[in-house]
């Protein structure tokens, strides 16, 4: 019995140490993540995060509303400059990890399907093609009508050495395709 107690103490002690190490790791990751989120009153930090994703022009009438830099992934959200709450946003994501635009696009189409199930809508799916500099970017589009009137488009494109994923979401009929196309065409 004494030997069994020692084995149990070693096993549970090891598990406890692993949990403490994991907790420290999670706390460190959360502190790094919060340090990478640009404050609303720091437009220079937002522009610096956007520059890590790609070089592009913010569409006319829009501003960088939020930005986060988690080291391997950068994300910005564009909203209308006049701060109207009309329900339209464009999110631009970039990563320093190797990624393939086609794989990203497939993953995002799957995510759109999951979103439709969560919202309990019968999605109408289509492809919205937007011509970029030397390529056509195929955006997977999903429209839900009924209790949740929503349109989402997502596409991925190669910009320099990295893949950039763009997600545009508009609710209540507020989908600004012109702003999305302007953003895509300015990517370099």
C-alpha atoms as a PDB file:
ATOM      1  CA  UNK A   1       0.000   0.000   0.000  1.00  0.00           C
ATOM      2  CA  UNK A   2       2.845   2.375   0.757  1.00  0.00           C
ATOM      3  CA  UNK A   3       4.305   1.803  -2.711  1.00  0.00           C
ATOM      4  CA  UNK A   4       0.919   2.491  -4.365  1.00  0.00           C
ATOM      5  CA  UNK A   5       0.613   5.761  -2.440  1.00  0.00           C
ATOM      6  CA  UNK A   6       4.050   6.826  -3.696  1.00  0.00           C
ATOM      7  CA  UNK A   7       3.076   6.054  -7.308  1.00  0.00           C
ATOM      8  CA  UNK A   8      -0.183   8.008  -6.916  1.00  0.00           C
ATOM      9  CA  UNK A   9       1.651  10.930  -5.321  1.00  0.00           C
ATOM     10  CA  UNK A  10       4.163  11.000  -8.189  1.00  0.00           C
ATOM     11  CA  UNK A  11       1.422  10.814 -10.854  1.00  0.00           C
ATOM     12  CA  UNK A  12      -0.787  13.471  -9.265  1.00  0.00           C
ATOM     13  CA  UNK A  13       2.213  15.655  -8.408  1.00  0.00           C
ATOM     14  CA  UNK A  14       3.378  15.495 -12.025  1.00  0.00           C
ATOM     15  CA  UNK A  15      -0.103  16.367 -13.278  1.00  0.00           C
ATOM     16  CA  UNK A  16      -0.260  19.302 -10.874  1.00  0.00           C
ATOM     17  CA  UNK A  17       3.117  20.626 -12.078  1.00  0.00           C
ATOM     18  CA  UNK A  18       1.993  20.280 -15.717  1.00  0.00           C
ATOM     19  CA  UNK A  19      -1.202  22.206 -14.955  1.00  0.00           C
ATOM     20  CA  UNK A  20       0.785  24.985 -13.283  1.00  0.00           C
ATOM     21  CA  UNK A  21       3.141  25.185 -16.280  1.00  0.00           C
ATOM     22  CA  UNK A  22       0.169  25.226 -18.681  1.00  0.00           C
ATOM     23  CA  UNK A  23      -1.487  27.978 -16.618  1.00  0.00           C
ATOM     24  CA  UNK A  24       1.656  30.092 -16.765  1.00  0.00           C
ATOM     25  CA  UNK A  25       1.831  29.534 -20.522  1.00  0.00           C
ATOM     26  CA  UNK A  26      -1.788  30.581 -21.024  1.00  0.00           C
ATOM     27  CA  UNK A  27      -1.302  33.673 -18.838  1.00  0.00           C
ATOM     28  CA  UNK A  28       1.800  34.618 -20.841  1.00  0.00           C
ATOM     29  CA  UNK A  29      -0.006  34.101 -24.161  1.00  0.00           C
ATOM     30  CA  UNK A  30      -2.954  36.231 -22.998  1.00  0.00           C
ATOM     31  CA  UNK A  31      -0.664  39.026 -21.827  1.00  0.00           C
ATOM     32  CA  UNK A  32       1.166  38.994 -25.175  1.00  0.00           C
ATOM     33  CA  UNK A  33      -2.162  39.008 -27.029  1.00  0.00           C
ATOM     34  CA  UNK A  34      -3.508  41.953 -25.046  1.00  0.00           C
ATOM     35  CA  UNK A  35      -0.261  43.846 -25.613  1.00  0.00           C
ATOM     36  CA  UNK A  36      -0.734  43.366 -29.381  1.00  0.00           C
ATOM     37  CA  UNK A  37      -4.167  44.999 -29.515  1.00  0.00           C
ATOM     38  CA  UNK A  38      -3.943  48.595 -30.680  1.00  0.00           C
ATOM     39  CA  UNK A  39      -5.840  51.090 -28.564  1.00  0.00           C
ATOM     40  CA  UNK A  40      -8.573  53.190 -30.160  1.00  0.00           C
ATOM     41  CA  UNK A  41      -6.565  56.356 -29.525  1.00  0.00           C
ATOM     42  CA  UNK A  42      -3.416  55.036 -31.256  1.00  0.00           C
ATOM     43  CA  UNK A  43      -3.874  55.300 -35.046  1.00  0.00           C
ATOM     44  CA  UNK A  44      -0.114  54.874 -35.636  1.00  0.00           C
ATOM     45  CA  UNK A  45      -0.191  51.418 -34.006  1.00  0.00           C
ATOM     46  CA  UNK A  46      -3.191  50.479 -36.159  1.00  0.00           C
ATOM     47  CA  UNK A  47      -1.400  51.574 -39.330  1.00  0.00           C
ATOM     48  CA  UNK A  48       1.732  49.654 -38.273  1.00  0.00           C
ATOM     49  CA  UNK A  49      -0.324  46.484 -37.830  1.00  0.00           C
ATOM     50  CA  UNK A  50      -1.990  47.015 -41.219  1.00  0.00           C
ATOM     51  CA  UNK A  51       1.448  47.436 -42.842  1.00  0.00           C
ATOM     52  CA  UNK A  52       2.491  44.018 -41.515  1.00  0.00           C
ATOM     53  CA  UNK A  53      -0.442  42.443 -43.373  1.00  0.00           C
ATOM     54  CA  UNK A  54       0.072  44.102 -46.765  1.00  0.00           C
ATOM     55  CA  UNK A  55       0.336  47.446 -48.475  1.00  0.00           C
ATOM     56  CA  UNK A  56      -3.136  48.678 -49.408  1.00  0.00           C
ATOM     57  CA  UNK A  57      -5.349  51.720 -49.456  1.00  0.00           C
ATOM     58  CA  UNK A  58      -8.154  52.016 -46.923  1.00  0.00           C
ATOM     59  CA  UNK A  59     -11.326  52.515 -49.021  1.00  0.00           C
ATOM     60  CA  UNK A  60     -12.678  56.063 -49.220  1.00  0.00           C
ATOM     61  CA  UNK A  61     -14.983  56.803 -46.310  1.00  0.00           C
ATOM     62  CA  UNK A  62     -13.503  54.069 -44.093  1.00  0.00           C
ATOM     63  CA  UNK A  63     -11.037  53.903 -41.214  1.00  0.00           C
ATOM     64  CA  UNK A  64      -9.122  51.223 -39.343  1.00  0.00           C
ATOM     65  CA  UNK A  65     -11.406  50.675 -36.353  1.00  0.00           C
ATOM     66  CA  UNK A  66      -9.459  47.907 -34.593  1.00  0.00           C
ATOM     67  CA  UNK A  67      -6.109  46.217 -35.000  1.00  0.00           C
ATOM     68  CA  UNK A  68      -4.418  43.306 -33.274  1.00  0.00           C
ATOM     69  CA  UNK A  69      -0.933  41.896 -33.723  1.00  0.00           C
ATOM     70  CA  UNK A  70      -0.464  38.504 -32.117  1.00  0.00           C
ATOM     71  CA  UNK A  71       2.981  37.955 -33.565  1.00  0.00           C
ATOM     72  CA  UNK A  72       2.155  35.265 -36.104  1.00  0.00           C
ATOM     73  CA  UNK A  73      -1.211  36.760 -37.067  1.00  0.00           C
ATOM     74  CA  UNK A  74      -2.302  40.329 -37.654  1.00  0.00           C
ATOM     75  CA  UNK A  75      -5.917  41.445 -38.017  1.00  0.00           C
ATOM     76  CA  UNK A  76      -7.535  44.790 -38.738  1.00  0.00           C
ATOM     77  CA  UNK A  77     -11.180  45.746 -39.008  1.00  0.00           C
ATOM     78  CA  UNK A  78     -12.366  48.523 -41.306  1.00  0.00           C
ATOM     79  CA  UNK A  79     -15.539  50.470 -40.571  1.00  0.00           C
ATOM     80  CA  UNK A  80     -17.164  53.537 -42.066  1.00  0.00           C
ATOM     81  CA  UNK A  81     -15.404  56.760 -41.152  1.00  0.00           C
ATOM     82  CA  UNK A  82     -18.577  58.489 -39.971  1.00  0.00           C
ATOM     83  CA  UNK A  83     -18.966  55.786 -37.285  1.00  0.00           C
ATOM     84  CA  UNK A  84     -22.443  54.857 -38.448  1.00  0.00           C
ATOM     85  CA  UNK A  85     -23.552  51.565 -36.997  1.00  0.00           C
ATOM     86  CA  UNK A  86     -24.903  50.295 -40.285  1.00  0.00           C
ATOM     87  CA  UNK A  87     -23.665  46.735 -39.833  1.00  0.00           C
ATOM     88  CA  UNK A  88     -20.945  46.621 -42.518  1.00  0.00           C
ATOM     89  CA  UNK A  89     -17.351  45.678 -41.690  1.00  0.00           C
ATOM     90  CA  UNK A  90     -14.326  44.377 -43.526  1.00  0.00           C
ATOM     91  CA  UNK A  91     -11.792  42.296 -41.661  1.00  0.00           C
ATOM     92  CA  UNK A  92      -8.321  41.765 -43.141  1.00  0.00           C
ATOM     93  CA  UNK A  93      -6.070  39.040 -41.748  1.00  0.00           C
ATOM     94  CA  UNK A  94      -2.483  38.219 -42.497  1.00  0.00           C
ATOM     95  CA  UNK A  95      -0.093  35.679 -41.061  1.00  0.00           C
ATOM     96  CA  UNK A  96       3.644  35.218 -41.011  1.00  0.00           C
ATOM     97  CA  UNK A  97       3.160  31.460 -41.187  1.00  0.00           C
ATOM     98  CA  UNK A  98       3.257  29.748 -44.576  1.00  0.00           C
ATOM     99  CA  UNK A  99      -0.274  29.546 -45.930  1.00  0.00           C
ATOM    100  CA  UNK A 100      -2.000  28.904 -49.205  1.00  0.00           C
ATOM    101  CA  UNK A 101      -4.828  31.149 -50.434  1.00  0.00           C
ATOM    102  CA  UNK A 102      -6.787  28.193 -51.868  1.00  0.00           C
ATOM    103  CA  UNK A 103      -6.633  26.295 -48.567  1.00  0.00           C
ATOM    104  CA  UNK A 104      -7.642  29.447 -46.689  1.00  0.00           C
ATOM    105  CA  UNK A 105     -10.580  30.004 -49.058  1.00  0.00           C
ATOM    106  CA  UNK A 106     -11.764  26.398 -48.600  1.00  0.00           C
ATOM    107  CA  UNK A 107     -11.572  26.755 -44.811  1.00  0.00           C
ATOM    108  CA  UNK A 108     -13.510  30.002 -44.910  1.00  0.00           C
ATOM    109  CA  UNK A 109     -16.255  28.471 -47.108  1.00  0.00           C
ATOM    110  CA  UNK A 110     -16.604  25.734 -44.477  1.00  0.00           C
ATOM    111  CA  UNK A 111     -16.812  28.416 -41.763  1.00  0.00           C
ATOM    112  CA  UNK A 112     -19.556  30.208 -43.721  1.00  0.00           C
ATOM    113  CA  UNK A 113     -21.563  26.990 -43.760  1.00  0.00           C
ATOM    114  CA  UNK A 114     -21.160  26.649 -39.987  1.00  0.00           C
ATOM    115  CA  UNK A 115     -22.226  30.259 -39.515  1.00  0.00           C
ATOM    116  CA  UNK A 116     -25.384  29.579 -41.545  1.00  0.00           C
ATOM    117  CA  UNK A 117     -26.265  26.616 -39.343  1.00  0.00           C
ATOM    118  CA  UNK A 118     -25.711  28.642 -36.166  1.00  0.00           C
ATOM    119  CA  UNK A 119     -27.987  31.418 -37.472  1.00  0.00           C
ATOM    120  CA  UNK A 120     -30.554  28.820 -38.590  1.00  0.00           C
ATOM    121  CA  UNK A 121     -30.868  30.220 -42.047  1.00  0.00           C
ATOM    122  CA  UNK A 122     -31.068  28.659 -45.456  1.00  0.00           C
ATOM    123  CA  UNK A 123     -28.082  30.252 -47.114  1.00  0.00           C
ATOM    124  CA  UNK A 124     -27.939  31.220 -50.731  1.00  0.00           C
ATOM    125  CA  UNK A 125     -24.364  30.663 -51.781  1.00  0.00           C
ATOM    126  CA  UNK A 126     -22.606  32.208 -54.739  1.00  0.00           C
ATOM    127  CA  UNK A 127     -19.198  33.314 -55.955  1.00  0.00           C
ATOM    128  CA  UNK A 128     -18.372  37.005 -56.247  1.00  0.00           C
ATOM    129  CA  UNK A 129     -15.349  37.560 -58.475  1.00  0.00           C
ATOM    130  CA  UNK A 130     -13.323  40.730 -57.946  1.00  0.00           C
ATOM    131  CA  UNK A 131     -10.493  41.576 -60.306  1.00  0.00           C
ATOM    132  CA  UNK A 132      -7.245  42.402 -58.511  1.00  0.00           C
ATOM    133  CA  UNK A 133      -4.030  43.628 -60.165  1.00  0.00           C
ATOM    134  CA  UNK A 134      -3.169  40.514 -62.181  1.00  0.00           C
ATOM    135  CA  UNK A 135      -5.684  38.029 -60.848  1.00  0.00           C
ATOM    136  CA  UNK A 136      -9.343  37.451 -60.119  1.00  0.00           C
ATOM    137  CA  UNK A 137     -10.124  36.793 -56.469  1.00  0.00           C
ATOM    138  CA  UNK A 138     -13.102  34.495 -55.982  1.00  0.00           C
ATOM    139  CA  UNK A 139     -15.038  35.487 -52.870  1.00  0.00           C
ATOM    140  CA  UNK A 140     -17.358  32.852 -51.428  1.00  0.00           C
ATOM    141  CA  UNK A 141     -20.599  34.695 -50.730  1.00  0.00           C
ATOM    142  CA  UNK A 142     -23.470  33.688 -48.501  1.00  0.00           C
ATOM    143  CA  UNK A 143     -26.748  35.536 -48.044  1.00  0.00           C
ATOM    144  CA  UNK A 144     -29.263  34.730 -45.315  1.00  0.00           C
ATOM    145  CA  UNK A 145     -32.687  36.298 -45.323  1.00  0.00           C
ATOM    146  CA  UNK A 146     -35.480  36.100 -42.808  1.00  0.00           C
ATOM    147  CA  UNK A 147     -34.959  36.860 -39.130  1.00  0.00           C
ATOM    148  CA  UNK A 148     -31.263  37.454 -39.779  1.00  0.00           C
ATOM    149  CA  UNK A 149     -30.637  39.477 -42.902  1.00  0.00           C
ATOM    150  CA  UNK A 150     -26.938  38.983 -43.499  1.00  0.00           C
ATOM    151  CA  UNK A 151     -24.444  38.871 -46.353  1.00  0.00           C
ATOM    152  CA  UNK A 152     -20.921  37.559 -45.847  1.00  0.00           C
ATOM    153  CA  UNK A 153     -18.141  37.294 -48.395  1.00  0.00           C
ATOM    154  CA  UNK A 154     -14.732  35.816 -47.815  1.00  0.00           C
ATOM    155  CA  UNK A 155     -11.736  35.464 -50.069  1.00  0.00           C
ATOM    156  CA  UNK A 156      -8.021  34.856 -49.847  1.00  0.00           C
ATOM    157  CA  UNK A 157      -5.268  36.138 -52.068  1.00  0.00           C
ATOM    158  CA  UNK A 158      -1.506  35.991 -52.297  1.00  0.00           C
ATOM    159  CA  UNK A 159       0.093  39.343 -51.455  1.00  0.00           C
ATOM    160  CA  UNK A 160       3.863  39.165 -51.558  1.00  0.00           C
ATOM    161  CA  UNK A 161       5.059  36.126 -49.637  1.00  0.00           C
ATOM    162  CA  UNK A 162       1.880  35.784 -47.552  1.00  0.00           C
ATOM    163  CA  UNK A 163      -1.760  34.905 -47.991  1.00  0.00           C
ATOM    164  CA  UNK A 164      -4.218  37.609 -46.954  1.00  0.00           C
ATOM    165  CA  UNK A 165      -7.773  36.667 -46.004  1.00  0.00           C
ATOM    166  CA  UNK A 166     -10.576  39.212 -46.312  1.00  0.00           C
ATOM    167  CA  UNK A 167     -13.982  38.814 -44.678  1.00  0.00           C
ATOM    168  CA  UNK A 168     -16.744  41.330 -45.414  1.00  0.00           C
ATOM    169  CA  UNK A 169     -19.983  41.227 -43.435  1.00  0.00           C
ATOM    170  CA  UNK A 170     -23.078  43.329 -43.874  1.00  0.00           C
ATOM    171  CA  UNK A 171     -26.342  43.063 -41.993  1.00  0.00           C
ATOM    172  CA  UNK A 172     -29.711  44.612 -42.679  1.00  0.00           C
ATOM    173  CA  UNK A 173     -28.856  45.192 -46.320  1.00  0.00           C
ATOM    174  CA  UNK A 174     -25.702  47.230 -45.586  1.00  0.00           C
ATOM    175  CA  UNK A 175     -23.138  45.502 -47.813  1.00  0.00           C
ATOM    176  CA  UNK A 176     -20.702  47.868 -49.534  1.00  0.00           C
ATOM    177  CA  UNK A 177     -19.314  45.825 -52.429  1.00  0.00           C
ATOM    178  CA  UNK A 178     -17.662  48.918 -53.904  1.00  0.00           C
ATOM    179  CA  UNK A 179     -15.533  49.366 -50.762  1.00  0.00           C
ATOM    180  CA  UNK A 180     -14.614  45.661 -50.805  1.00  0.00           C
ATOM    181  CA  UNK A 181     -13.588  45.842 -54.466  1.00  0.00           C
ATOM    182  CA  UNK A 182     -11.600  49.041 -53.839  1.00  0.00           C
ATOM    183  CA  UNK A 183      -9.701  47.330 -51.012  1.00  0.00           C
ATOM    184  CA  UNK A 184      -8.948  44.182 -53.058  1.00  0.00           C
ATOM    185  CA  UNK A 185      -7.752  46.198 -56.063  1.00  0.00           C
ATOM    186  CA  UNK A 186      -5.372  48.235 -53.923  1.00  0.00           C
ATOM    187  CA  UNK A 187      -3.597  45.195 -52.380  1.00  0.00           C
ATOM    188  CA  UNK A 188       0.074  45.061 -53.260  1.00  0.00           C
END
